Amino acid sequence: MKLTTRGHYSVKAMLDLSLQPERGATSVRAIAQRQELPAPYLEKLLIELRRAGLVESIRGAQGGYRLARSPAQISLGQILEAVGETVEPLPRHSPEAEQAEDWVTFSLWHRLHQKLKDALYGISLEDLYYDARSWQAAQGEATSFVV
């Protein structure tokens, strides 16, 4: 699996939304500024996340985007899947099952792929939030941060 810019930016945006007081709406421009992301690209990713039911869009002057459910109910796997990221192994690590000499390799990569998939769907946005806060505390930084 390779985490692309799409996946990285999507996770950063979702974590930013989880930091909003009372999970209120925030504008694309505000997220883009805080996370140092290109706003037009971020807007496209948020639309995909909305279609997947992970964020809601709010219209109006105080509008923007907010999480559609609690951070504990959103997994890293769901975020990546929503923006088209694949958790499939890289092609060179997927040997043909019919080749007897590659069965051990095939079995190994199959098991590792399943473990990776389980891990991605087992890590919640809330877990990432607490990991970020712990790292920040260890660095002695203030509570406001760029993901």
N, C-alpha and C. Protein backbone atom coordinates (compact mmCIF):
# COMPACT_ATOMS: atom_id res chain seq x y z
N MET A 1 0.84 -1.17 0.00
CA MET A 1 0.00 0.00 0.00
C MET A 1 0.89 1.23 0.00
N LYS A 2 0.49 2.23 -0.75
CA LYS A 2 1.21 3.49 -0.80
C LYS A 2 0.21 4.60 -0.46
N LEU A 3 0.55 5.44 0.52
CA LEU A 3 -0.31 6.56 0.87
C LEU A 3 0.04 7.72 -0.05
N THR A 4 -0.92 8.11 -0.86
CA THR A 4 -0.71 9.21 -1.81
C THR A 4 -1.05 10.55 -1.16
N THR A 5 -0.84 11.59 -1.91
CA THR A 5 -1.19 12.93 -1.47
C THR A 5 -2.68 13.02 -1.15
N ARG A 6 -3.51 12.38 -1.97
CA ARG A 6 -4.97 12.37 -1.72
C ARG A 6 -5.28 11.84 -0.33
N GLY A 7 -4.70 10.72 -0.01
CA GLY A 7 -4.95 10.11 1.30
C GLY A 7 -4.40 10.95 2.43
N HIS A 8 -3.19 11.44 2.27
CA HIS A 8 -2.54 12.24 3.29
C HIS A 8 -3.34 13.51 3.58
N TYR A 9 -3.72 14.25 2.53
CA TYR A 9 -4.48 15.48 2.70
C TYR A 9 -5.86 15.21 3.30
N SER A 10 -6.48 14.12 2.91
CA SER A 10 -7.80 13.78 3.43
C SER A 10 -7.76 13.50 4.92
N VAL A 11 -6.76 12.76 5.35
CA VAL A 11 -6.63 12.46 6.77
C VAL A 11 -6.35 13.75 7.55
N LYS A 12 -5.48 14.60 7.01
CA LYS A 12 -5.19 15.88 7.68
C LYS A 12 -6.46 16.73 7.80
N ALA A 13 -7.24 16.79 6.76
CA ALA A 13 -8.47 17.58 6.79
C ALA A 13 -9.47 17.01 7.80
N MET A 14 -9.61 15.70 7.82
CA MET A 14 -10.54 15.08 8.75
C MET A 14 -10.09 15.28 10.19
N LEU A 15 -8.81 15.19 10.44
CA LEU A 15 -8.30 15.41 11.78
C LEU A 15 -8.52 16.87 12.18
N ASP A 16 -8.33 17.78 11.24
CA ASP A 16 -8.59 19.19 11.50
C ASP A 16 -10.05 19.40 11.88
N LEU A 17 -10.97 18.77 11.15
CA LEU A 17 -12.39 18.90 11.48
C LEU A 17 -12.70 18.33 12.86
N SER A 18 -11.99 17.28 13.25
CA SER A 18 -12.24 16.69 14.57
C SER A 18 -11.80 17.62 15.70
N LEU A 19 -10.96 18.58 15.38
CA LEU A 19 -10.45 19.52 16.39
C LEU A 19 -11.37 20.72 16.61
N GLN A 20 -12.39 20.86 15.78
CA GLN A 20 -13.27 22.02 15.87
C GLN A 20 -14.14 21.93 17.12
N PRO A 21 -14.27 23.07 17.84
CA PRO A 21 -15.09 23.07 19.05
C PRO A 21 -16.52 22.61 18.75
N GLU A 22 -16.99 21.71 19.56
CA GLU A 22 -18.34 21.15 19.41
C GLU A 22 -18.59 20.65 17.99
N ARG A 23 -17.53 20.26 17.33
CA ARG A 23 -17.57 19.73 15.95
C ARG A 23 -18.38 20.64 15.04
N GLY A 24 -18.16 21.94 15.18
CA GLY A 24 -18.84 22.92 14.34
C GLY A 24 -18.27 22.94 12.93
N ALA A 25 -18.98 23.61 12.04
CA ALA A 25 -18.55 23.71 10.64
C ALA A 25 -17.38 24.67 10.50
N THR A 26 -16.52 24.39 9.57
CA THR A 26 -15.39 25.25 9.25
C THR A 26 -15.22 25.30 7.74
N SER A 27 -14.73 26.40 7.25
CA SER A 27 -14.61 26.59 5.81
C SER A 27 -13.40 25.85 5.24
N VAL A 28 -13.49 25.58 3.95
CA VAL A 28 -12.38 24.94 3.24
C VAL A 28 -11.14 25.81 3.36
N ARG A 29 -11.34 27.11 3.18
CA ARG A 29 -10.21 28.04 3.24
C ARG A 29 -9.52 27.99 4.60
N ALA A 30 -10.30 27.91 5.68
CA ALA A 30 -9.72 27.86 7.03
C ALA A 30 -8.92 26.58 7.23
N ILE A 31 -9.47 25.45 6.78
CA ILE A 31 -8.75 24.17 6.90
C ILE A 31 -7.47 24.24 6.07
N ALA A 32 -7.59 24.74 4.85
CA ALA A 32 -6.44 24.82 3.95
C ALA A 32 -5.33 25.68 4.55
N GLN A 33 -5.71 26.79 5.17
CA GLN A 33 -4.71 27.66 5.79
C GLN A 33 -4.04 26.99 6.98
N ARG A 34 -4.83 26.39 7.85
CA ARG A 34 -4.27 25.74 9.04
C ARG A 34 -3.35 24.59 8.68
N GLN A 35 -3.75 23.82 7.68
CA GLN A 35 -3.00 22.61 7.32
C GLN A 35 -2.02 22.82 6.17
N GLU A 36 -1.99 24.04 5.64
CA GLU A 36 -1.09 24.38 4.53
C GLU A 36 -1.34 23.46 3.32
N LEU A 37 -2.62 23.41 2.93
CA LEU A 37 -3.06 22.59 1.80
C LEU A 37 -3.66 23.50 0.73
N PRO A 38 -3.60 23.09 -0.55
CA PRO A 38 -4.24 23.88 -1.60
C PRO A 38 -5.77 23.76 -1.50
N ALA A 39 -6.45 24.90 -1.33
CA ALA A 39 -7.90 24.92 -1.12
C ALA A 39 -8.70 24.26 -2.24
N PRO A 40 -8.39 24.51 -3.54
CA PRO A 40 -9.20 23.87 -4.59
C PRO A 40 -9.12 22.33 -4.54
N TYR A 41 -7.93 21.82 -4.27
CA TYR A 41 -7.74 20.37 -4.18
C TYR A 41 -8.47 19.82 -2.95
N LEU A 42 -8.37 20.54 -1.85
CA LEU A 42 -9.04 20.14 -0.62
C LEU A 42 -10.55 20.10 -0.80
N GLU A 43 -11.09 21.07 -1.53
CA GLU A 43 -12.54 21.11 -1.78
C GLU A 43 -12.99 19.84 -2.49
N LYS A 44 -12.23 19.39 -3.47
CA LYS A 44 -12.57 18.16 -4.19
C LYS A 44 -12.56 16.95 -3.26
N LEU A 45 -11.57 16.89 -2.38
CA LEU A 45 -11.49 15.77 -1.45
C LEU A 45 -12.66 15.79 -0.46
N LEU A 46 -13.02 16.96 0.01
CA LEU A 46 -14.14 17.08 0.95
C LEU A 46 -15.47 16.69 0.29
N ILE A 47 -15.60 16.97 -0.99
CA ILE A 47 -16.81 16.53 -1.71
C ILE A 47 -16.88 15.00 -1.73
N GLU A 48 -15.75 14.37 -1.97
CA GLU A 48 -15.71 12.90 -1.96
C GLU A 48 -16.00 12.35 -0.57
N LEU A 49 -15.47 13.00 0.45
CA LEU A 49 -15.73 12.57 1.82
C LEU A 49 -17.20 12.77 2.19
N ARG A 50 -17.82 13.82 1.65
CA ARG A 50 -19.25 14.05 1.88
C ARG A 50 -20.07 12.95 1.22
N ARG A 51 -19.73 12.60 -0.01
CA ARG A 51 -20.45 11.53 -0.71
C ARG A 51 -20.37 10.20 0.04
N ALA A 52 -19.26 10.00 0.75
CA ALA A 52 -19.08 8.77 1.52
C ALA A 52 -19.76 8.84 2.89
N GLY A 53 -20.36 9.99 3.20
CA GLY A 53 -21.06 10.14 4.47
C GLY A 53 -20.17 10.41 5.67
N LEU A 54 -18.94 10.84 5.42
CA LEU A 54 -18.02 11.11 6.53
C LEU A 54 -18.05 12.56 7.00
N VAL A 55 -18.42 13.47 6.10
CA VAL A 55 -18.58 14.87 6.47
C VAL A 55 -19.92 15.38 5.95
N GLU A 56 -20.36 16.48 6.52
CA GLU A 56 -21.57 17.16 6.07
C GLU A 56 -21.18 18.56 5.62
N SER A 57 -21.87 19.05 4.63
CA SER A 57 -21.64 20.43 4.20
C SER A 57 -22.78 21.29 4.72
N ILE A 58 -22.42 22.45 5.20
CA ILE A 58 -23.38 23.40 5.74
C ILE A 58 -23.32 24.65 4.88
N ARG A 59 -24.46 25.06 4.36
CA ARG A 59 -24.52 26.26 3.51
C ARG A 59 -24.65 27.52 4.36
N GLY A 60 -24.29 28.64 3.75
CA GLY A 60 -24.48 29.93 4.39
C GLY A 60 -23.19 30.57 4.85
N ALA A 61 -23.33 31.76 5.41
CA ALA A 61 -22.17 32.55 5.83
C ALA A 61 -21.34 31.83 6.90
N GLN A 62 -21.98 31.10 7.78
CA GLN A 62 -21.27 30.37 8.83
C GLN A 62 -21.09 28.90 8.45
N GLY A 63 -21.23 28.62 7.17
CA GLY A 63 -21.17 27.24 6.69
C GLY A 63 -19.76 26.73 6.51
N GLY A 64 -19.71 25.58 5.92
CA GLY A 64 -18.44 24.90 5.69
C GLY A 64 -18.68 23.40 5.78
N TYR A 65 -17.72 22.73 6.35
CA TYR A 65 -17.81 21.28 6.53
C TYR A 65 -17.65 20.93 7.99
N ARG A 66 -18.29 19.82 8.38
CA ARG A 66 -18.12 19.27 9.72
C ARG A 66 -18.22 17.75 9.61
N LEU A 67 -17.74 17.08 10.64
CA LEU A 67 -17.82 15.62 10.66
C LEU A 67 -19.28 15.19 10.71
N ALA A 68 -19.59 14.12 9.99
CA ALA A 68 -20.96 13.60 9.97
C ALA A 68 -21.26 12.72 11.18
N ARG A 69 -20.22 12.24 11.83
CA ARG A 69 -20.39 11.45 13.04
C ARG A 69 -19.16 11.65 13.93
N SER A 70 -19.16 11.06 15.08
CA SER A 70 -18.07 11.29 16.03
C SER A 70 -16.75 10.73 15.50
N PRO A 71 -15.63 11.32 15.91
CA PRO A 71 -14.32 10.83 15.47
C PRO A 71 -14.07 9.36 15.81
N ALA A 72 -14.67 8.88 16.88
CA ALA A 72 -14.50 7.48 17.27
C ALA A 72 -15.17 6.53 16.27
N GLN A 73 -16.13 7.05 15.50
CA GLN A 73 -16.86 6.22 14.55
C GLN A 73 -16.35 6.33 13.12
N ILE A 74 -15.25 7.03 12.92
CA ILE A 74 -14.66 7.19 11.58
C ILE A 74 -13.28 6.57 11.59
N SER A 75 -13.06 5.58 10.74
CA SER A 75 -11.76 4.91 10.70
C SER A 75 -10.88 5.47 9.59
N LEU A 76 -9.60 5.28 9.78
CA LEU A 76 -8.64 5.67 8.77
C LEU A 76 -8.93 4.96 7.45
N GLY A 77 -9.31 3.71 7.52
CA GLY A 77 -9.67 2.95 6.33
C GLY A 77 -10.84 3.55 5.58
N GLN A 78 -11.85 4.02 6.31
CA GLN A 78 -13.01 4.65 5.67
C GLN A 78 -12.62 5.95 4.96
N ILE A 79 -11.76 6.73 5.59
CA ILE A 79 -11.30 7.98 4.98
C ILE A 79 -10.56 7.69 3.68
N LEU A 80 -9.62 6.77 3.73
CA LEU A 80 -8.82 6.44 2.55
C LEU A 80 -9.68 5.86 1.44
N GLU A 81 -10.59 4.98 1.80
CA GLU A 81 -11.50 4.38 0.81
C GLU A 81 -12.37 5.45 0.15
N ALA A 82 -12.82 6.44 0.93
CA ALA A 82 -13.71 7.48 0.41
C ALA A 82 -13.05 8.30 -0.70
N VAL A 83 -11.74 8.47 -0.62
CA VAL A 83 -11.05 9.28 -1.63
C VAL A 83 -10.33 8.42 -2.68
N GLY A 84 -10.70 7.14 -2.72
CA GLY A 84 -10.18 6.27 -3.77
C GLY A 84 -8.83 5.64 -3.52
N GLU A 85 -8.36 5.72 -2.29
CA GLU A 85 -7.10 5.06 -1.96
C GLU A 85 -7.35 3.56 -1.88
N THR A 86 -6.37 2.81 -2.25
CA THR A 86 -6.51 1.36 -2.19
C THR A 86 -5.64 0.82 -1.07
N VAL A 87 -6.13 -0.20 -0.42
CA VAL A 87 -5.33 -0.87 0.60
C VAL A 87 -4.80 -2.20 0.05
N GLU A 88 -4.87 -2.32 -1.26
CA GLU A 88 -4.36 -3.53 -1.90
C GLU A 88 -2.83 -3.49 -1.91
N PRO A 89 -2.20 -4.66 -1.85
CA PRO A 89 -0.74 -4.69 -1.89
C PRO A 89 -0.22 -4.21 -3.24
N LEU A 90 1.01 -3.78 -3.25
CA LEU A 90 1.63 -3.36 -4.50
C LEU A 90 1.69 -4.55 -5.45
N PRO A 91 1.55 -4.33 -6.76
CA PRO A 91 1.49 -5.43 -7.73
C PRO A 91 2.66 -6.41 -7.64
N ARG A 92 3.85 -5.92 -7.40
CA ARG A 92 5.00 -6.83 -7.38
C ARG A 92 4.98 -7.78 -6.19
N HIS A 93 4.09 -7.54 -5.23
CA HIS A 93 3.98 -8.39 -4.05
C HIS A 93 2.79 -9.32 -4.13
N SER A 94 2.21 -9.48 -5.32
CA SER A 94 1.06 -10.35 -5.50
C SER A 94 1.40 -11.43 -6.52
N PRO A 95 2.11 -12.47 -6.12
CA PRO A 95 2.47 -13.53 -7.07
C PRO A 95 1.25 -14.35 -7.46
N GLU A 96 1.37 -15.05 -8.56
CA GLU A 96 0.31 -15.94 -9.01
C GLU A 96 0.22 -17.14 -8.06
N ALA A 97 -0.98 -17.42 -7.59
CA ALA A 97 -1.19 -18.51 -6.64
C ALA A 97 -0.88 -19.88 -7.24
N GLU A 98 -0.96 -19.98 -8.57
CA GLU A 98 -0.75 -21.28 -9.22
C GLU A 98 0.72 -21.69 -9.22
N GLN A 99 1.61 -20.76 -9.01
CA GLN A 99 3.04 -21.09 -9.03
C GLN A 99 3.44 -21.62 -7.66
N ALA A 100 3.73 -22.92 -7.60
CA ALA A 100 4.00 -23.58 -6.33
C ALA A 100 5.16 -22.93 -5.56
N GLU A 101 6.21 -22.52 -6.27
CA GLU A 101 7.35 -21.93 -5.58
C GLU A 101 7.02 -20.56 -4.97
N ASP A 102 5.92 -19.96 -5.40
CA ASP A 102 5.53 -18.67 -4.86
C ASP A 102 4.42 -18.77 -3.81
N TRP A 103 4.03 -19.98 -3.44
CA TRP A 103 2.92 -20.10 -2.50
C TRP A 103 3.25 -19.47 -1.16
N VAL A 104 4.46 -19.66 -0.66
CA VAL A 104 4.84 -19.08 0.62
C VAL A 104 4.78 -17.55 0.54
N THR A 105 5.30 -17.01 -0.53
CA THR A 105 5.28 -15.56 -0.72
C THR A 105 3.84 -15.07 -0.83
N PHE A 106 3.04 -15.77 -1.61
CA PHE A 106 1.64 -15.39 -1.78
C PHE A 106 0.92 -15.40 -0.44
N SER A 107 1.10 -16.45 0.34
CA SER A 107 0.45 -16.58 1.64
C SER A 107 0.91 -15.47 2.59
N LEU A 108 2.20 -15.19 2.58
CA LEU A 108 2.74 -14.15 3.44
C LEU A 108 2.13 -12.79 3.10
N TRP A 109 2.12 -12.41 1.81
CA TRP A 109 1.59 -11.11 1.42
C TRP A 109 0.08 -11.03 1.62
N HIS A 110 -0.60 -12.15 1.45
CA HIS A 110 -2.04 -12.17 1.70
C HIS A 110 -2.32 -11.88 3.18
N ARG A 111 -1.58 -12.53 4.07
CA ARG A 111 -1.76 -12.32 5.50
C ARG A 111 -1.39 -10.89 5.91
N LEU A 112 -0.29 -10.38 5.37
CA LEU A 112 0.12 -9.02 5.69
C LEU A 112 -0.90 -8.00 5.19
N HIS A 113 -1.45 -8.26 4.01
CA HIS A 113 -2.48 -7.37 3.47
C HIS A 113 -3.69 -7.35 4.38
N GLN A 114 -4.12 -8.50 4.86
CA GLN A 114 -5.28 -8.56 5.75
C GLN A 114 -5.00 -7.84 7.06
N LYS A 115 -3.79 -7.99 7.59
CA LYS A 115 -3.42 -7.30 8.84
C LYS A 115 -3.42 -5.79 8.63
N LEU A 116 -2.89 -5.34 7.50
CA LEU A 116 -2.87 -3.92 7.19
C LEU A 116 -4.29 -3.37 7.08
N LYS A 117 -5.15 -4.10 6.38
CA LYS A 117 -6.53 -3.68 6.23
C LYS A 117 -7.23 -3.61 7.59
N ASP A 118 -7.02 -4.62 8.42
CA ASP A 118 -7.61 -4.62 9.76
C ASP A 118 -7.12 -3.43 10.57
N ALA A 119 -5.83 -3.12 10.46
CA ALA A 119 -5.26 -1.99 11.20
C ALA A 119 -5.86 -0.67 10.73
N LEU A 120 -5.97 -0.48 9.41
CA LEU A 120 -6.51 0.77 8.89
C LEU A 120 -7.96 0.99 9.30
N TYR A 121 -8.72 -0.07 9.34
CA TYR A 121 -10.12 0.05 9.75
C TYR A 121 -10.27 0.02 11.28
N GLY A 122 -9.19 -0.31 11.97
CA GLY A 122 -9.21 -0.34 13.43
C GLY A 122 -8.71 0.95 14.07
N ILE A 123 -8.12 1.83 13.27
CA ILE A 123 -7.62 3.11 13.79
C ILE A 123 -8.66 4.17 13.51
N SER A 124 -9.15 4.78 14.57
CA SER A 124 -10.19 5.80 14.41
C SER A 124 -9.57 7.19 14.34
N LEU A 125 -10.36 8.12 13.88
CA LEU A 125 -9.96 9.52 13.86
C LEU A 125 -9.67 10.00 15.29
N GLU A 126 -10.43 9.47 16.23
CA GLU A 126 -10.20 9.80 17.64
C GLU A 126 -8.82 9.31 18.09
N ASP A 127 -8.42 8.11 17.66
CA ASP A 127 -7.08 7.59 17.98
C ASP A 127 -6.00 8.52 17.45
N LEU A 128 -6.17 8.98 16.20
CA LEU A 128 -5.19 9.88 15.59
C LEU A 128 -5.13 11.20 16.35
N TYR A 129 -6.28 11.69 16.77
CA TYR A 129 -6.36 12.92 17.55
C TYR A 129 -5.51 12.79 18.82
N TYR A 130 -5.72 11.71 19.57
CA TYR A 130 -4.97 11.53 20.81
C TYR A 130 -3.49 11.28 20.55
N ASP A 131 -3.16 10.60 19.47
CA ASP A 131 -1.76 10.41 19.11
C ASP A 131 -1.10 11.76 18.82
N ALA A 132 -1.81 12.61 18.07
CA ALA A 132 -1.27 13.93 17.74
C ALA A 132 -1.09 14.77 19.00
N ARG A 133 -2.07 14.73 19.89
CA ARG A 133 -1.97 15.50 21.15
C ARG A 133 -0.82 14.98 22.02
N SER A 134 -0.64 13.67 22.08
CA SER A 134 0.45 13.09 22.87
C SER A 134 1.80 13.49 22.32
N TRP A 135 1.92 13.43 20.99
CA TRP A 135 3.18 13.82 20.36
C TRP A 135 3.46 15.29 20.64
N GLN A 136 2.44 16.11 20.52
CA GLN A 136 2.59 17.54 20.74
C GLN A 136 2.99 17.83 22.18
N ALA A 137 2.38 17.15 23.13
CA ALA A 137 2.73 17.34 24.54
C ALA A 137 4.17 16.94 24.79
N ALA A 138 4.60 15.85 24.16
CA ALA A 138 5.98 15.40 24.31
C ALA A 138 6.97 16.41 23.75
N GLN A 139 6.52 17.16 22.73
CA GLN A 139 7.38 18.18 22.13
C GLN A 139 7.32 19.49 22.92
N GLY A 140 6.40 19.58 23.89
CA GLY A 140 6.25 20.77 24.69
C GLY A 140 5.57 21.91 23.94
N GLU A 141 4.74 21.58 22.94
CA GLU A 141 4.09 22.59 22.13
C GLU A 141 2.72 22.95 22.68
N ALA A 142 2.19 24.07 22.24
CA ALA A 142 0.86 24.52 22.64
C ALA A 142 -0.19 23.62 22.03
N THR A 143 -1.45 23.84 22.36
CA THR A 143 -2.52 22.95 21.92
C THR A 143 -2.93 23.15 20.47
N SER A 144 -2.61 24.27 19.85
CA SER A 144 -2.96 24.49 18.46
C SER A 144 -1.83 23.96 17.58
N PHE A 145 -2.17 23.17 16.59
CA PHE A 145 -1.11 22.58 15.78
C PHE A 145 -1.56 22.28 14.36
N VAL A 146 -0.55 22.12 13.51
CA VAL A 146 -0.76 21.67 12.15
C VAL A 146 -0.59 20.18 12.14
N VAL A 147 -1.51 19.46 11.55
CA VAL A 147 -1.46 18.01 11.52
C VAL A 147 -0.38 17.57 10.57
